[in-house]
C-alpha atoms as a PDB file:
ATOM      1  CA  MET A   1      -0.221  -0.537   0.043  1.00  0.00           C
ATOM      2  CA  VAL A   2       1.327   3.286  -0.334  1.00  0.00           C
ATOM      3  CA  PRO A   3       1.276   6.201   2.098  1.00  0.00           C
ATOM      4  CA  ALA A   4      -1.439   9.117   1.042  1.00  0.00           C
ATOM      5  CA  THR A   5       1.477  11.452   2.417  1.00  0.00           C
ATOM      6  CA  GLU A   6       2.554  10.047  -0.975  1.00  0.00           C
ATOM      7  CA  ILE A   7      -0.137  10.284  -3.467  1.00  0.00           C
ATOM      8  CA  ASP A   8      -0.943  14.112  -1.756  1.00  0.00           C
ATOM      9  CA  ARG A   9       3.355  14.702  -3.071  1.00  0.00           C
ATOM     10  CA  LEU A  10       3.339  13.380  -6.303  1.00  0.00           C
ATOM     11  CA  ARG A  11       0.045  15.398  -7.244  1.00  0.00           C
ATOM     12  CA  ALA A  12       0.789  18.568  -5.835  1.00  0.00           C
ATOM     13  CA  ALA A  13      -0.193  21.913  -7.740  1.00  0.00           C
ATOM     14  CA  GLY A  14       2.890  22.417 -10.744  1.00  0.00           C
ATOM     15  CA  ALA A  15       5.047  20.885  -8.618  1.00  0.00           C
ATOM     16  CA  ASP A  16       7.407  19.947 -12.174  1.00  0.00           C
ATOM     17  CA  GLY A  17       6.568  22.717 -12.771  1.00  0.00           C
ATOM     18  CA  GLY A  18       4.978  21.111 -15.949  1.00  0.00           C
ATOM     19  CA  LEU A  19       7.623  19.254 -16.628  1.00  0.00           C
ATOM     20  CA  SER A  20       7.232  15.227 -18.242  1.00  0.00           C
ATOM     21  CA  ALA A  21      10.621  14.007 -16.322  1.00  0.00           C
ATOM     22  CA  ARG A  22       9.628  11.373 -13.736  1.00  0.00           C
ATOM     23  CA  ASN A  23      13.858  10.829 -12.027  1.00  0.00           C
ATOM     24  CA  ARG A  24      14.055  13.237  -9.166  1.00  0.00           C
ATOM     25  CA  LEU A  25      17.261  13.644  -6.990  1.00  0.00           C
ATOM     26  CA  ARG A  26      16.918  16.267  -4.876  1.00  0.00           C
ATOM     27  CA  GLY A  27      20.247  17.850  -2.870  1.00  0.00           C
ATOM     28  CA  ILE A  28      21.945  19.538  -2.181  1.00  0.00           C
ATOM     29  CA  VAL A  29      24.830  22.238  -4.820  1.00  0.00           C
ATOM     30  CA  ARG A  30      28.061  21.186  -3.849  1.00  0.00           C
ATOM     31  CA  ASP A  31      30.331  22.929  -6.744  1.00  0.00           C
ATOM     32  CA  VAL A  32      29.371  25.486  -9.396  1.00  0.00           C
ATOM     33  CA  LYS A  33      33.090  26.437 -12.099  1.00  0.00           C
ATOM     34  CA  VAL A  34      31.443  28.805 -14.664  1.00  0.00           C
ATOM     35  CA  GLU A  35      33.652  28.858 -18.135  1.00  0.00           C
ATOM     36  CA  GLY A  36      32.604  30.555 -20.485  1.00  0.00           C
ATOM     37  CA  LEU A  37      28.584  30.366 -21.878  1.00  0.00           C
ATOM     38  CA  LEU A  38      28.367  27.086 -19.713  1.00  0.00           C
ATOM     39  CA  ALA A  39      28.727  26.329 -16.391  1.00  0.00           C
ATOM     40  CA  GLN A  40      29.437  22.394 -14.445  1.00  0.00           C
ATOM     41  CA  VAL A  41      27.421  22.099 -11.622  1.00  0.00           C
ATOM     42  CA  GLU A  42      27.726  18.939  -9.311  1.00  0.00           C
ATOM     43  CA  VAL A  43      24.821  19.037  -6.900  1.00  0.00           C
ATOM     44  CA  GLU A  44      25.371  16.097  -3.944  1.00  0.00           C
ATOM     45  CA  ALA A  45      22.014  14.069  -3.440  1.00  0.00           C
ATOM     46  CA  GLY A  46      21.856  11.632  -1.121  1.00  0.00           C
ATOM     47  CA  PRO A  47      24.662   9.234  -1.456  1.00  0.00           C
ATOM     48  CA  TYR A  48      24.904  10.091  -5.566  1.00  0.00           C
ATOM     49  CA  ARG A  49      26.867  12.823  -6.788  1.00  0.00           C
ATOM     50  CA  VAL A  50      25.366  13.649  -9.538  1.00  0.00           C
ATOM     51  CA  VAL A  51      27.413  16.442 -11.827  1.00  0.00           C
ATOM     52  CA  ALA A  52      25.002  18.474 -15.694  1.00  0.00           C
ATOM     53  CA  VAL A  53      26.170  20.544 -17.686  1.00  0.00           C
ATOM     54  CA  ILE A  54      23.825  24.034 -18.224  1.00  0.00           C
ATOM     55  CA  THR A  55      24.359  27.267 -20.193  1.00  0.00           C
ATOM     56  CA  ARG A  56      26.070  30.118 -17.256  1.00  0.00           C
ATOM     57  CA  GLU A  57      22.947  31.495 -17.525  1.00  0.00           C
ATOM     58  CA  ALA A  58      20.153  29.319 -16.292  1.00  0.00           C
ATOM     59  CA  ALA A  59      22.858  29.224 -13.181  1.00  0.00           C
ATOM     60  CA  GLU A  60      22.879  32.094 -12.646  1.00  0.00           C
ATOM     61  CA  ALA A  61      18.693  32.393 -13.236  1.00  0.00           C
ATOM     62  CA  LEU A  62      18.838  29.678 -10.870  1.00  0.00           C
ATOM     63  CA  ALA A  63      21.598  31.493  -8.810  1.00  0.00           C
ATOM     64  CA  LEU A  64      22.969  28.064  -8.300  1.00  0.00           C
ATOM     65  CA  ALA A  65      25.539  28.483  -4.956  1.00  0.00           C
ATOM     66  CA  PRO A  66      27.863  25.939  -3.318  1.00  0.00           C
ATOM     67  CA  GLY A  67      25.221  24.561  -0.732  1.00  0.00           C
ATOM     68  CA  THR A  68      22.195  25.997  -2.490  1.00  0.00           C
ATOM     69  CA  PRO A  69      19.545  22.816  -2.729  1.00  0.00           C
ATOM     70  CA  ALA A  70      18.967  22.121  -5.706  1.00  0.00           C
ATOM     71  CA  THR A  71      16.925  19.205  -7.615  1.00  0.00           C
ATOM     72  CA  ALA A  72      18.832  17.044 -10.202  1.00  0.00           C
ATOM     73  CA  ILE A  73      15.864  16.331 -12.922  1.00  0.00           C
ATOM     74  CA  ILE A  74      16.318  13.162 -15.398  1.00  0.00           C
ATOM     75  CA  LYS A  75      15.169  12.693 -17.987  1.00  0.00           C
ATOM     76  CA  ALA A  76      17.158   9.759 -20.556  1.00  0.00           C
ATOM     77  CA  THR A  77      15.809   7.402 -23.221  1.00  0.00           C
ATOM     78  CA  SER A  78      19.393   5.729 -22.060  1.00  0.00           C
ATOM     79  CA  VAL A  79      22.059   5.614 -20.462  1.00  0.00           C
ATOM     80  CA  LEU A  80      25.434   4.424 -21.802  1.00  0.00           C
ATOM     81  CA  ILE A  81      28.517   2.540 -20.289  1.00  0.00           C
ATOM     82  CA  GLU A  82      30.974   1.392 -22.463  1.00  0.00           C
ATOM     83  CA  ARG A  83      34.919   0.461 -20.604  1.00  0.00           C
END
């Protein structure tokens, strides 16, 4: 059985900002490296470290800085690992 609180959380109005991505990892920004038009953002989400490259403009608009709470939203059709 799914707890009512979990159903309420999933139904939260406007919580997804209209995005269809369902994989969300809440965490804390640990590092932001800006170079030219891009920013590399490292988020610590529980035991996971997620690194994303976004535009500098997006990083500035979100005011991303170490210690800032952030959510990594992941939408991928496949993940490939090669050795």
